[in-house]
Amino acid sequence: MVGALERPVNVLMGLQGVLLSFDELRAMGVRRVSVGGSLARSALGAFLRAAHEIRDQGTFTYTKEAASGSELNEFFATAERKWPTPR
């Protein structure tokens, strides 16, 4: 279908259950990818998991996945928005 169109195709990704990669989308002819509110929903999902862990288990292991203050400062301070190296 994408090949039959004369204009670039934009795809909304980040929906639950849709796990295509950039390479797979590119192979289908997709030219632009939007993530909509999926990054916010992902962050809120992590928040809920952490809150449930504290309430239900009384533990704080969720902090192993948390971004450090220096990672966040580095990301928001650089004009080019260079991504910190994942741990």
Protein backbone atom coordinates (compact mmCIF):
# COMPACT_ATOMS: atom_id res chain seq x y z
CA MET A 1 0.00 0.00 0.00
CA VAL A 2 2.78 2.46 0.91
CA GLY A 3 4.43 1.92 -2.47
CA ALA A 4 1.25 2.98 -4.27
CA LEU A 5 1.24 6.41 -2.63
CA GLU A 6 2.98 9.42 -4.11
CA ARG A 7 3.57 11.18 -0.80
CA PRO A 8 5.75 10.26 2.18
CA VAL A 9 3.95 8.07 4.70
CA ASN A 10 3.94 8.97 8.40
CA VAL A 11 3.30 6.16 10.91
CA LEU A 12 2.25 6.48 14.54
CA MET A 13 4.26 4.03 16.63
CA GLY A 14 4.29 3.33 20.34
CA LEU A 15 0.93 1.60 20.47
CA GLN A 16 0.78 -1.50 22.62
CA GLY A 17 1.34 -4.67 20.64
CA VAL A 18 2.94 -2.96 17.62
CA LEU A 19 6.63 -3.85 17.72
CA LEU A 20 8.03 -2.86 14.33
CA SER A 21 11.55 -1.45 14.15
CA PHE A 22 12.75 1.55 12.13
CA ASP A 23 14.37 -0.86 9.68
CA GLU A 24 11.12 -2.78 9.20
CA LEU A 25 9.15 0.43 8.71
CA ARG A 26 11.75 1.75 6.27
CA ALA A 27 11.53 -1.50 4.28
CA MET A 28 7.76 -0.92 4.01
CA GLY A 29 8.39 2.55 2.58
CA VAL A 30 7.62 4.61 5.68
CA ARG A 31 9.42 7.97 5.66
CA ARG A 32 8.42 9.50 9.01
CA VAL A 33 7.65 8.01 12.41
CA SER A 34 5.72 9.73 15.21
CA VAL A 35 5.51 8.40 18.75
CA GLY A 36 2.54 10.46 19.96
CA GLY A 37 2.07 10.18 23.71
CA SER A 38 3.81 6.80 23.99
CA LEU A 39 6.90 8.20 25.75
CA ALA A 40 4.71 9.83 28.41
CA ARG A 41 2.68 6.61 28.81
CA SER A 42 5.91 4.63 29.15
CA ALA A 43 7.19 7.00 31.85
CA LEU A 44 3.86 6.84 33.68
CA GLY A 45 3.93 3.04 33.45
CA ALA A 46 7.35 3.03 35.15
CA PHE A 47 5.97 5.37 37.81
CA LEU A 48 3.02 3.06 38.48
CA ARG A 49 5.25 -0.04 38.67
CA ALA A 50 7.52 1.75 41.16
CA ALA A 51 4.57 2.92 43.27
CA HIS A 52 3.10 -0.60 43.33
CA GLU A 53 6.47 -2.06 44.32
CA ILE A 54 6.78 0.34 47.25
CA ARG A 55 3.20 -0.26 48.37
CA ASP A 56 3.04 -4.02 47.83
CA GLN A 57 6.59 -5.18 48.59
CA GLY A 58 8.11 -2.36 50.58
CA THR A 59 11.18 -2.42 48.32
CA PHE A 60 12.88 0.11 46.09
CA THR A 61 14.51 -2.01 43.36
CA TYR A 62 12.86 0.19 40.72
CA THR A 63 15.73 2.64 41.24
CA LYS A 64 18.06 0.29 39.31
CA GLU A 65 16.32 1.44 36.11
CA ALA A 66 16.11 5.13 37.01
CA ALA A 67 18.07 7.73 35.06
CA SER A 68 20.70 9.46 37.15
CA GLY A 69 20.59 13.16 37.79
CA SER A 70 23.75 13.63 35.74
CA GLU A 71 22.24 11.77 32.75
CA LEU A 72 19.17 13.99 32.85
CA ASN A 73 21.22 17.17 33.30
CA GLU A 74 23.46 16.19 30.37
CA PHE A 75 20.49 15.49 28.11
CA PHE A 76 18.60 18.69 28.90
CA ALA A 77 21.67 20.94 28.95
CA THR A 78 23.04 20.16 25.48
CA ALA A 79 21.72 22.12 22.54
CA GLU A 80 22.15 19.13 20.22
CA ARG A 81 20.21 16.85 22.60
CA LYS A 82 22.93 14.24 22.53
CA TRP A 83 21.69 11.04 24.06
CA PRO A 84 23.62 9.79 27.10
CA THR A 85 25.16 6.36 26.70
CA PRO A 86 22.78 3.78 28.24
CA ARG A 87 24.08 1.97 31.28
